[in-house]
């Protein structure tokens, strides 16, 4: 199994307020909130698999929607009003590179 990390985008739409709060708490522990219900994270495929398992236990599969996308390293663009402070995405890129190389930033 690969231990290489990647950048991931997780977005969700949860119908029930209680489930929404639980999913949000879980995602805050895993990643960086980019917008409400959208998170960025640096993780291995195995770790994302664990996250998927945790999310599956929290959501209702017929009422809720969770999407997870692997991002191409270094490819981030934004238009309009910034939802994150200046430099956060650059720091996120450095964390991803550091995690892939096994070092610290």
PDB file of N, CA and C in Angstrom:
ATOM      1  N   UNK A   1       0.828  -1.190   0.000  1.00  0.00           N
ATOM      2  CA  UNK A   1       0.000   0.000   0.000  1.00  0.00           C
ATOM      3  C   UNK A   1       0.868   1.249   0.000  1.00  0.00           C
ATOM      4  N   UNK A   2       0.420   2.263  -0.719  1.00  0.00           N
ATOM      5  CA  UNK A   2       1.171   3.504  -0.823  1.00  0.00           C
ATOM      6  C   UNK A   2       1.005   4.355   0.435  1.00  0.00           C
ATOM      7  N   UNK A   3       2.117   4.900   0.903  1.00  0.00           N
ATOM      8  CA  UNK A   3       2.083   5.787   2.061  1.00  0.00           C
ATOM      9  C   UNK A   3       2.237   7.234   1.617  1.00  0.00           C
ATOM     10  N   UNK A   4       2.161   7.483   0.296  1.00  0.00           N
ATOM     11  CA  UNK A   4       2.305   8.830  -0.233  1.00  0.00           C
ATOM     12  C   UNK A   4       1.066   9.662   0.079  1.00  0.00           C
ATOM     13  N   UNK A   5       1.295  10.885   0.526  1.00  0.00           N
ATOM     14  CA  UNK A   5       0.160  11.750   0.833  1.00  0.00           C
ATOM     15  C   UNK A   5      -0.266  12.530  -0.395  1.00  0.00           C
ATOM     16  N   UNK A   6      -1.477  12.981  -0.359  1.00  0.00           N
ATOM     17  CA  UNK A   6      -2.021  13.825  -1.408  1.00  0.00           C
ATOM     18  C   UNK A   6      -2.925  14.871  -0.799  1.00  0.00           C
ATOM     19  N   UNK A   7      -3.334  15.801  -1.626  1.00  0.00           N
ATOM     20  CA  UNK A   7      -4.273  16.838  -1.203  1.00  0.00           C
ATOM     21  C   UNK A   7      -5.669  16.407  -1.639  1.00  0.00           C
ATOM     22  N   UNK A   8      -6.611  16.592  -0.756  1.00  0.00           N
ATOM     23  CA  UNK A   8      -7.982  16.144  -0.996  1.00  0.00           C
ATOM     24  C   UNK A   8      -8.959  17.257  -0.676  1.00  0.00           C
ATOM     25  N   UNK A   9     -10.055  17.284  -1.401  1.00  0.00           N
ATOM     26  CA  UNK A   9     -11.156  18.202  -1.147  1.00  0.00           C
ATOM     27  C   UNK A   9     -12.356  17.360  -0.745  1.00  0.00           C
ATOM     28  N   UNK A  10     -12.955  17.685   0.382  1.00  0.00           N
ATOM     29  CA  UNK A  10     -14.147  16.979   0.863  1.00  0.00           C
ATOM     30  C   UNK A  10     -15.274  18.006   0.957  1.00  0.00           C
ATOM     31  N   UNK A  11     -16.382  17.712   0.312  1.00  0.00           N
ATOM     32  CA  UNK A  11     -17.556  18.588   0.343  1.00  0.00           C
ATOM     33  C   UNK A  11     -18.767  17.750   0.716  1.00  0.00           C
ATOM     34  N   UNK A  12     -19.665  18.349   1.474  1.00  0.00           N
ATOM     35  CA  UNK A  12     -20.829  17.567   1.890  1.00  0.00           C
ATOM     36  C   UNK A  12     -22.082  18.420   2.003  1.00  0.00           C
ATOM     37  N   UNK A  13     -23.213  17.753   1.848  1.00  0.00           N
ATOM     38  CA  UNK A  13     -24.544  18.337   2.014  1.00  0.00           C
ATOM     39  C   UNK A  13     -25.320  17.343   2.862  1.00  0.00           C
ATOM     40  N   UNK A  14     -25.546  17.705   4.114  1.00  0.00           N
ATOM     41  CA  UNK A  14     -26.171  16.802   5.079  1.00  0.00           C
ATOM     42  C   UNK A  14     -27.550  17.353   5.443  1.00  0.00           C
ATOM     43  N   UNK A  15     -28.585  16.512   5.301  1.00  0.00           N
ATOM     44  CA  UNK A  15     -29.974  16.953   5.468  1.00  0.00           C
ATOM     45  C   UNK A  15     -30.375  17.217   6.913  1.00  0.00           C
ATOM     46  N   UNK A  16     -29.877  16.438   7.844  1.00  0.00           N
ATOM     47  CA  UNK A  16     -30.297  16.531   9.247  1.00  0.00           C
ATOM     48  C   UNK A  16     -29.302  17.377  10.045  1.00  0.00           C
ATOM     49  N   UNK A  17     -29.769  18.376  10.784  1.00  0.00           N
ATOM     50  CA  UNK A  17     -28.856  19.229  11.553  1.00  0.00           C
ATOM     51  C   UNK A  17     -27.960  18.462  12.539  1.00  0.00           C
ATOM     52  N   UNK A  18     -28.482  17.405  13.164  1.00  0.00           N
ATOM     53  CA  UNK A  18     -27.656  16.622  14.098  1.00  0.00           C
ATOM     54  C   UNK A  18     -26.531  15.901  13.366  1.00  0.00           C
ATOM     55  N   UNK A  19     -26.861  15.288  12.232  1.00  0.00           N
ATOM     56  CA  UNK A  19     -25.822  14.616  11.444  1.00  0.00           C
ATOM     57  C   UNK A  19     -24.835  15.629  10.882  1.00  0.00           C
ATOM     58  N   UNK A  20     -25.339  16.790  10.464  1.00  0.00           N
ATOM     59  CA  UNK A  20     -24.474  17.845   9.946  1.00  0.00           C
ATOM     60  C   UNK A  20     -23.441  18.253  10.999  1.00  0.00           C
ATOM     61  N   UNK A  21     -23.871  18.432  12.230  1.00  0.00           N
ATOM     62  CA  UNK A  21     -22.954  18.811  13.313  1.00  0.00           C
ATOM     63  C   UNK A  21     -21.910  17.721  13.545  1.00  0.00           C
ATOM     64  N   UNK A  22     -22.326  16.478  13.498  1.00  0.00           N
ATOM     65  CA  UNK A  22     -21.380  15.369  13.711  1.00  0.00           C
ATOM     66  C   UNK A  22     -20.351  15.292  12.584  1.00  0.00           C
ATOM     67  N   UNK A  23     -20.823  15.432  11.352  1.00  0.00           N
ATOM     68  CA  UNK A  23     -19.909  15.389  10.204  1.00  0.00           C
ATOM     69  C   UNK A  23     -18.954  16.579  10.270  1.00  0.00           C
ATOM     70  N   UNK A  24     -19.477  17.747  10.605  1.00  0.00           N
ATOM     71  CA  UNK A  24     -18.623  18.939  10.702  1.00  0.00           C
ATOM     72  C   UNK A  24     -17.533  18.754  11.769  1.00  0.00           C
ATOM     73  N   UNK A  25     -17.898  18.232  12.931  1.00  0.00           N
ATOM     74  CA  UNK A  25     -16.902  17.989  13.984  1.00  0.00           C
ATOM     75  C   UNK A  25     -15.820  17.016  13.510  1.00  0.00           C
ATOM     76  N   UNK A  26     -16.235  15.973  12.815  1.00  0.00           N
ATOM     77  CA  UNK A  26     -15.273  15.012  12.289  1.00  0.00           C
ATOM     78  C   UNK A  26     -14.333  15.692  11.290  1.00  0.00           C
ATOM     79  N   UNK A  27     -14.884  16.479  10.386  1.00  0.00           N
ATOM     80  CA  UNK A  27     -14.062  17.112   9.359  1.00  0.00           C
ATOM     81  C   UNK A  27     -13.117  18.165   9.942  1.00  0.00           C
ATOM     82  N   UNK A  28     -13.523  18.856  10.978  1.00  0.00           N
ATOM     83  CA  UNK A  28     -12.634  19.819  11.638  1.00  0.00           C
ATOM     84  C   UNK A  28     -11.411  19.097  12.196  1.00  0.00           C
ATOM     85  N   UNK A  29     -11.603  17.860  12.662  1.00  0.00           N
ATOM     86  CA  UNK A  29     -10.483  17.077  13.187  1.00  0.00           C
ATOM     87  C   UNK A  29      -9.556  16.598  12.063  1.00  0.00           C
ATOM     88  N   UNK A  30     -10.067  16.491  10.859  1.00  0.00           N
ATOM     89  CA  UNK A  30      -9.302  15.941   9.743  1.00  0.00           C
ATOM     90  C   UNK A  30      -8.649  16.994   8.856  1.00  0.00           C
ATOM     91  N   UNK A  31      -9.270  18.152   8.694  1.00  0.00           N
ATOM     92  CA  UNK A  31      -8.777  19.070   7.675  1.00  0.00           C
ATOM     93  C   UNK A  31      -8.987  20.532   7.970  1.00  0.00           C
ATOM     94  N   UNK A  32      -8.724  21.326   6.955  1.00  0.00           N
ATOM     95  CA  UNK A  32      -8.811  22.776   7.008  1.00  0.00           C
ATOM     96  C   UNK A  32     -10.104  23.215   6.332  1.00  0.00           C
ATOM     97  N   UNK A  33     -10.977  23.919   7.057  1.00  0.00           N
ATOM     98  CA  UNK A  33     -12.211  24.364   6.414  1.00  0.00           C
ATOM     99  C   UNK A  33     -11.923  25.442   5.370  1.00  0.00           C
ATOM    100  N   UNK A  34     -12.349  25.197   4.133  1.00  0.00           N
ATOM    101  CA  UNK A  34     -12.174  26.164   3.053  1.00  0.00           C
ATOM    102  C   UNK A  34     -13.416  27.037   2.932  1.00  0.00           C
ATOM    103  N   UNK A  35     -14.562  26.439   3.110  1.00  0.00           N
ATOM    104  CA  UNK A  35     -15.855  27.098   3.149  1.00  0.00           C
ATOM    105  C   UNK A  35     -16.739  26.218   4.030  1.00  0.00           C
ATOM    106  N   UNK A  36     -17.923  26.695   4.343  1.00  0.00           N
ATOM    107  CA  UNK A  36     -18.809  25.869   5.137  1.00  0.00           C
ATOM    108  C   UNK A  36     -19.110  24.604   4.344  1.00  0.00           C
ATOM    109  N   UNK A  37     -18.900  23.468   4.922  1.00  0.00           N
ATOM    110  CA  UNK A  37     -19.136  22.153   4.315  1.00  0.00           C
ATOM    111  C   UNK A  37     -18.146  21.796   3.217  1.00  0.00           C
ATOM    112  N   UNK A  38     -17.011  22.482   3.158  1.00  0.00           N
ATOM    113  CA  UNK A  38     -15.936  22.154   2.213  1.00  0.00           C
ATOM    114  C   UNK A  38     -14.619  22.192   2.981  1.00  0.00           C
ATOM    115  N   UNK A  39     -13.874  21.088   2.909  1.00  0.00           N
ATOM    116  CA  UNK A  39     -12.619  20.975   3.650  1.00  0.00           C
ATOM    117  C   UNK A  39     -11.483  20.536   2.750  1.00  0.00           C
ATOM    118  N   UNK A  40     -10.275  21.026   3.047  1.00  0.00           N
ATOM    119  CA  UNK A  40      -9.046  20.591   2.398  1.00  0.00           C
ATOM    120  C   UNK A  40      -8.301  19.715   3.386  1.00  0.00           C
ATOM    121  N   UNK A  41      -7.695  18.633   2.912  1.00  0.00           N
ATOM    122  CA  UNK A  41      -6.873  17.836   3.809  1.00  0.00           C
ATOM    123  C   UNK A  41      -5.690  17.236   3.076  1.00  0.00           C
ATOM    124  N   UNK A  42      -4.654  16.952   3.837  1.00  0.00           N
ATOM    125  CA  UNK A  42      -3.461  16.273   3.344  1.00  0.00           C
ATOM    126  C   UNK A  42      -3.465  14.909   4.004  1.00  0.00           C
ATOM    127  N   UNK A  43      -3.523  13.849   3.183  1.00  0.00           N
ATOM    128  CA  UNK A  43      -3.645  12.502   3.747  1.00  0.00           C
ATOM    129  C   UNK A  43      -3.236  11.465   2.719  1.00  0.00           C
ATOM    130  N   UNK A  44      -2.934  10.278   3.203  1.00  0.00           N
ATOM    131  CA  UNK A  44      -2.688   9.141   2.319  1.00  0.00           C
ATOM    132  C   UNK A  44      -4.028   8.570   1.855  1.00  0.00           C
ATOM    133  N   UNK A  45      -3.980   7.741   0.827  1.00  0.00           N
ATOM    134  CA  UNK A  45      -5.208   7.057   0.378  1.00  0.00           C
ATOM    135  C   UNK A  45      -5.791   6.204   1.508  1.00  0.00           C
ATOM    136  N   UNK A  46      -4.912   5.581   2.276  1.00  0.00           N
ATOM    137  CA  UNK A  46      -5.368   4.739   3.379  1.00  0.00           C
ATOM    138  C   UNK A  46      -6.100   5.572   4.432  1.00  0.00           C
ATOM    139  N   UNK A  47      -5.555   6.736   4.741  1.00  0.00           N
ATOM    140  CA  UNK A  47      -6.200   7.615   5.723  1.00  0.00           C
ATOM    141  C   UNK A  47      -7.556   8.085   5.201  1.00  0.00           C
ATOM    142  N   UNK A  48      -7.624   8.426   3.921  1.00  0.00           N
ATOM    143  CA  UNK A  48      -8.905   8.841   3.331  1.00  0.00           C
ATOM    144  C   UNK A  48      -9.890   7.682   3.384  1.00  0.00           C
ATOM    145  N   UNK A  49      -9.412   6.469   3.192  1.00  0.00           N
ATOM    146  CA  UNK A  49     -10.280   5.301   3.342  1.00  0.00           C
ATOM    147  C   UNK A  49     -10.857   5.202   4.742  1.00  0.00           C
ATOM    148  N   UNK A  50     -10.040   5.495   5.745  1.00  0.00           N
ATOM    149  CA  UNK A  50     -10.528   5.509   7.133  1.00  0.00           C
ATOM    150  C   UNK A  50     -11.575   6.599   7.328  1.00  0.00           C
ATOM    151  N   UNK A  51     -11.309   7.777   6.743  1.00  0.00           N
ATOM    152  CA  UNK A  51     -12.271   8.877   6.833  1.00  0.00           C
ATOM    153  C   UNK A  51     -13.596   8.477   6.196  1.00  0.00           C
ATOM    154  N   UNK A  52     -13.534   7.831   5.037  1.00  0.00           N
ATOM    155  CA  UNK A  52     -14.756   7.374   4.357  1.00  0.00           C
ATOM    156  C   UNK A  52     -15.556   6.448   5.276  1.00  0.00           C
ATOM    157  N   UNK A  53     -14.867   5.544   5.956  1.00  0.00           N
ATOM    158  CA  UNK A  53     -15.548   4.648   6.893  1.00  0.00           C
ATOM    159  C   UNK A  53     -16.215   5.397   8.030  1.00  0.00           C
ATOM    160  N   UNK A  54     -15.518   6.393   8.567  1.00  0.00           N
ATOM    161  CA  UNK A  54     -16.104   7.192   9.652  1.00  0.00           C
ATOM    162  C   UNK A  54     -17.313   7.982   9.159  1.00  0.00           C
ATOM    163  N   UNK A  55     -17.182   8.576   7.969  1.00  0.00           N
ATOM    164  CA  UNK A  55     -18.302   9.340   7.408  1.00  0.00           C
ATOM    165  C   UNK A  55     -19.496   8.440   7.122  1.00  0.00           C
ATOM    166  N   UNK A  56     -19.237   7.229   6.611  1.00  0.00           N
ATOM    167  CA  UNK A  56     -20.321   6.295   6.290  1.00  0.00           C
ATOM    168  C   UNK A  56     -21.153   5.955   7.522  1.00  0.00           C
ATOM    169  N   UNK A  57     -20.507   5.929   8.685  1.00  0.00           N
ATOM    170  CA  UNK A  57     -21.242   5.632   9.925  1.00  0.00           C
ATOM    171  C   UNK A  57     -22.082   6.826  10.398  1.00  0.00           C
ATOM    172  N   UNK A  58     -21.773   8.032   9.910  1.00  0.00           N
ATOM    173  CA  UNK A  58     -22.468   9.236  10.376  1.00  0.00           C
ATOM    174  C   UNK A  58     -23.605   9.691   9.468  1.00  0.00           C
ATOM    175  N   UNK A  59     -23.546   9.342   8.196  1.00  0.00           N
ATOM    176  CA  UNK A  59     -24.518   9.902   7.254  1.00  0.00           C
ATOM    177  C   UNK A  59     -25.660   8.936   6.964  1.00  0.00           C
ATOM    178  N   UNK A  60     -26.710   9.481   6.375  1.00  0.00           N
ATOM    179  CA  UNK A  60     -27.824   8.678   5.859  1.00  0.00           C
ATOM    180  C   UNK A  60     -27.625   8.625   4.340  1.00  0.00           C
ATOM    181  N   UNK A  61     -27.372   7.427   3.775  1.00  0.00           N
ATOM    182  CA  UNK A  61     -27.004   7.344   2.361  1.00  0.00           C
ATOM    183  C   UNK A  61     -28.075   7.810   1.370  1.00  0.00           C
ATOM    184  N   UNK A  62     -29.317   7.868   1.775  1.00  0.00           N
ATOM    185  CA  UNK A  62     -30.370   8.320   0.855  1.00  0.00           C
ATOM    186  C   UNK A  62     -30.728   9.794   1.038  1.00  0.00           C
ATOM    187  N   UNK A  63     -30.244  10.399   2.110  1.00  0.00           N
ATOM    188  CA  UNK A  63     -30.579  11.799   2.368  1.00  0.00           C
ATOM    189  C   UNK A  63     -29.374  12.739   2.281  1.00  0.00           C
ATOM    190  N   UNK A  64     -28.177  12.211   2.466  1.00  0.00           N
ATOM    191  CA  UNK A  64     -26.972  13.038   2.543  1.00  0.00           C
ATOM    192  C   UNK A  64     -26.061  12.778   1.341  1.00  0.00           C
ATOM    193  N   UNK A  65     -25.176  13.734   1.100  1.00  0.00           N
ATOM    194  CA  UNK A  65     -24.247  13.624  -0.017  1.00  0.00           C
ATOM    195  C   UNK A  65     -22.862  14.059   0.452  1.00  0.00           C
ATOM    196  N   UNK A  66     -21.858  13.195   0.283  1.00  0.00           N
ATOM    197  CA  UNK A  66     -20.470  13.517   0.607  1.00  0.00           C
ATOM    198  C   UNK A  66     -19.642  13.227  -0.638  1.00  0.00           C
ATOM    199  N   UNK A  67     -18.821  14.186  -1.025  1.00  0.00           N
ATOM    200  CA  UNK A  67     -17.949  14.032  -2.189  1.00  0.00           C
ATOM    201  C   UNK A  67     -16.502  14.221  -1.750  1.00  0.00           C
ATOM    202  N   UNK A  68     -15.614  13.367  -2.239  1.00  0.00           N
ATOM    203  CA  UNK A  68     -14.187  13.467  -1.925  1.00  0.00           C
ATOM    204  C   UNK A  68     -13.421  13.423  -3.239  1.00  0.00           C
ATOM    205  N   UNK A  69     -12.589  14.443  -3.454  1.00  0.00           N
ATOM    206  CA  UNK A  69     -11.818  14.558  -4.686  1.00  0.00           C
ATOM    207  C   UNK A  69     -10.344  14.704  -4.359  1.00  0.00           C
ATOM    208  N   UNK A  70      -9.498  13.989  -5.063  1.00  0.00           N
ATOM    209  CA  UNK A  70      -8.057  14.176  -4.936  1.00  0.00           C
ATOM    210  C   UNK A  70      -7.668  15.357  -5.815  1.00  0.00           C
ATOM    211  N   UNK A  71      -6.867  16.270  -5.261  1.00  0.00           N
ATOM    212  CA  UNK A  71      -6.446  17.461  -5.990  1.00  0.00           C
ATOM    213  C   UNK A  71      -5.061  17.281  -6.589  1.00  0.00           C
ATOM    214  N   UNK A  72      -4.844  17.877  -7.713  1.00  0.00           N
ATOM    215  CA  UNK A  72      -3.523  17.882  -8.326  1.00  0.00           C
ATOM    216  C   UNK A  72      -2.643  18.834  -7.523  1.00  0.00           C
ATOM    217  N   UNK A  73      -1.469  18.392  -7.074  1.00  0.00           N
ATOM    218  CA  UNK A  73      -0.600  19.247  -6.256  1.00  0.00           C
ATOM    219  C   UNK A  73      -0.270  20.565  -6.949  1.00  0.00           C
ATOM    220  N   UNK A  74      -0.367  21.637  -6.185  1.00  0.00           N
ATOM    221  CA  UNK A  74      -0.003  22.954  -6.683  1.00  0.00           C
ATOM    222  C   UNK A  74      -1.042  23.631  -7.551  1.00  0.00           C
ATOM    223  N   UNK A  75      -2.156  22.966  -7.840  1.00  0.00           N
ATOM    224  CA  UNK A  75      -3.157  23.557  -8.716  1.00  0.00           C
ATOM    225  C   UNK A  75      -4.340  24.017  -7.884  1.00  0.00           C
ATOM    226  N   UNK A  76      -4.261  25.261  -7.465  1.00  0.00           N
ATOM    227  CA  UNK A  76      -5.377  25.864  -6.739  1.00  0.00           C
ATOM    228  C   UNK A  76      -5.595  27.261  -7.283  1.00  0.00           C
ATOM    229  N   UNK A  77      -6.799  27.558  -7.640  1.00  0.00           N
ATOM    230  CA  UNK A  77      -7.168  28.879  -8.133  1.00  0.00           C
ATOM    231  C   UNK A  77      -8.426  29.312  -7.401  1.00  0.00           C
ATOM    232  N   UNK A  78      -8.532  30.599  -7.178  1.00  0.00           N
ATOM    233  CA  UNK A  78      -9.762  31.110  -6.580  1.00  0.00           C
ATOM    234  C   UNK A  78     -10.155  32.392  -7.295  1.00  0.00           C
ATOM    235  N   UNK A  79     -11.429  32.622  -7.354  1.00  0.00           N
ATOM    236  CA  UNK A  79     -11.988  33.820  -7.953  1.00  0.00           C
ATOM    237  C   UNK A  79     -12.921  34.465  -6.946  1.00  0.00           C
ATOM    238  N   UNK A  80     -13.017  35.760  -6.966  1.00  0.00           N
ATOM    239  CA  UNK A  80     -13.930  36.444  -6.070  1.00  0.00           C
ATOM    240  C   UNK A  80     -13.328  36.653  -4.692  1.00  0.00           C
ATOM    241  N   UNK A  81     -14.184  36.897  -3.739  1.00  0.00           N
ATOM    242  CA  UNK A  81     -13.769  37.190  -2.364  1.00  0.00           C
ATOM    243  C   UNK A  81     -13.131  35.947  -1.747  1.00  0.00           C
ATOM    244  N   UNK A  82     -11.967  36.126  -1.170  1.00  0.00           N
ATOM    245  CA  UNK A  82     -11.244  35.008  -0.560  1.00  0.00           C
ATOM    246  C   UNK A  82     -11.966  34.529   0.689  1.00  0.00           C
ATOM    247  N   UNK A  83     -12.106  33.202   0.795  1.00  0.00           N
ATOM    248  CA  UNK A  83     -12.735  32.641   1.991  1.00  0.00           C
ATOM    249  C   UNK A  83     -11.693  32.257   3.030  1.00  0.00           C
ATOM    250  N   UNK A  84     -10.421  32.211   2.619  1.00  0.00           N
ATOM    251  CA  UNK A  84      -9.317  31.874   3.518  1.00  0.00           C
ATOM    252  C   UNK A  84      -8.349  33.052   3.573  1.00  0.00           C
ATOM    253  N   UNK A  85      -7.678  33.238   4.694  1.00  0.00           N
ATOM    254  CA  UNK A  85      -6.679  34.307   4.772  1.00  0.00           C
ATOM    255  C   UNK A  85      -5.568  34.102   3.745  1.00  0.00           C
ATOM    256  N   UNK A  86      -4.987  35.208   3.300  1.00  0.00           N
ATOM    257  CA  UNK A  86      -3.894  35.160   2.317  1.00  0.00           C
ATOM    258  C   UNK A  86      -2.779  34.248   2.822  1.00  0.00           C
ATOM    259  N   UNK A  87      -2.285  33.384   1.966  1.00  0.00           N
ATOM    260  CA  UNK A  87      -1.162  32.518   2.301  1.00  0.00           C
ATOM    261  C   UNK A  87      -1.534  31.150   2.844  1.00  0.00           C
ATOM    262  N   UNK A  88      -2.783  30.939   3.199  1.00  0.00           N
ATOM    263  CA  UNK A  88      -3.179  29.651   3.780  1.00  0.00           C
ATOM    264  C   UNK A  88      -3.028  28.522   2.768  1.00  0.00           C
ATOM    265  N   UNK A  89      -3.436  28.749   1.526  1.00  0.00           N
ATOM    266  CA  UNK A  89      -3.304  27.692   0.522  1.00  0.00           C
ATOM    267  C   UNK A  89      -1.845  27.406   0.216  1.00  0.00           C
ATOM    268  N   UNK A  90      -0.984  28.416   0.236  1.00  0.00           N
ATOM    269  CA  UNK A  90       0.453  28.183   0.038  1.00  0.00           C
ATOM    270  C   UNK A  90       1.003  27.340   1.181  1.00  0.00           C
ATOM    271  N   UNK A  91       0.581  27.621   2.403  1.00  0.00           N
ATOM    272  CA  UNK A  91       0.995  26.820   3.557  1.00  0.00           C
ATOM    273  C   UNK A  91       0.485  25.391   3.405  1.00  0.00           C
ATOM    274  N   UNK A  92      -0.731  25.256   2.951  1.00  0.00           N
ATOM    275  CA  UNK A  92      -1.316  23.939   2.721  1.00  0.00           C
ATOM    276  C   UNK A  92      -0.471  23.158   1.712  1.00  0.00           C
ATOM    277  N   UNK A  93      -0.036  23.828   0.623  1.00  0.00           N
ATOM    278  CA  UNK A  93       0.844  23.191  -0.366  1.00  0.00           C
ATOM    279  C   UNK A  93       2.146  22.732   0.281  1.00  0.00           C
ATOM    280  N   UNK A  94       2.747  23.583   1.116  1.00  0.00           N
ATOM    281  CA  UNK A  94       4.016  23.228   1.769  1.00  0.00           C
ATOM    282  C   UNK A  94       3.825  22.037   2.696  1.00  0.00           C
ATOM    283  N   UNK A  95       2.705  21.970   3.411  1.00  0.00           N
ATOM    284  CA  UNK A  95       2.429  20.837   4.294  1.00  0.00           C
ATOM    285  C   UNK A  95       2.317  19.551   3.481  1.00  0.00           C
ATOM    286  N   UNK A  96       1.674  19.635   2.336  1.00  0.00           N
ATOM    287  CA  UNK A  96       1.526  18.453   1.488  1.00  0.00           C
ATOM    288  C   UNK A  96       2.884  17.982   0.989  1.00  0.00           C
ATOM    289  N   UNK A  97       3.729  18.910   0.561  1.00  0.00           N
ATOM    290  CA  UNK A  97       5.062  18.551   0.081  1.00  0.00           C
ATOM    291  C   UNK A  97       5.880  17.961   1.214  1.00  0.00           C
ATOM    292  N   UNK A  98       5.809  18.590   2.386  1.00  0.00           N
ATOM    293  CA  UNK A  98       6.556  18.108   3.551  1.00  0.00           C
ATOM    294  C   UNK A  98       6.091  16.707   3.944  1.00  0.00           C
ATOM    295  N   UNK A  99       4.797  16.472   3.932  1.00  0.00           N
ATOM    296  CA  UNK A  99       4.264  15.161   4.296  1.00  0.00           C
ATOM    297  C   UNK A  99       4.705  14.112   3.286  1.00  0.00           C
ATOM    298  N   UNK A 100       4.748  14.476   1.999  1.00  0.00           N
ATOM    299  CA  UNK A 100       5.195  13.522   0.980  1.00  0.00           C
ATOM    300  C   UNK A 100       6.670  13.182   1.148  1.00  0.00           C
ATOM    301  N   UNK A 101       7.478  14.182   1.575  1.00  0.00           N
ATOM    302  CA  UNK A 101       8.917  13.933   1.705  1.00  0.00           C
ATOM    303  C   UNK A 101       9.289  13.339   3.051  1.00  0.00           C
ATOM    304  N   UNK A 102       8.321  13.301   3.979  1.00  0.00           N
ATOM    305  CA  UNK A 102       8.583  12.728   5.298  1.00  0.00           C
ATOM    306  C   UNK A 102       9.243  13.694   6.242  1.00  0.00           C
ATOM    307  N   UNK A 103       9.358  14.956   5.854  1.00  0.00           N
ATOM    308  CA  UNK A 103       9.997  15.965   6.709  1.00  0.00           C
ATOM    309  C   UNK A 103       9.006  16.848   7.393  1.00  0.00           C
ATOM    310  N   UNK A 104       9.514  17.851   8.058  1.00  0.00           N
ATOM    311  CA  UNK A 104       8.650  18.843   8.686  1.00  0.00           C
ATOM    312  C   UNK A 104       8.894  20.180   8.032  1.00  0.00           C
ATOM    313  N   UNK A 105       7.869  21.073   8.062  1.00  0.00           N
ATOM    314  CA  UNK A 105       8.043  22.351   7.405  1.00  0.00           C
ATOM    315  C   UNK A 105       8.710  23.364   8.261  1.00  0.00           C
TER     316      UNK A 105
END
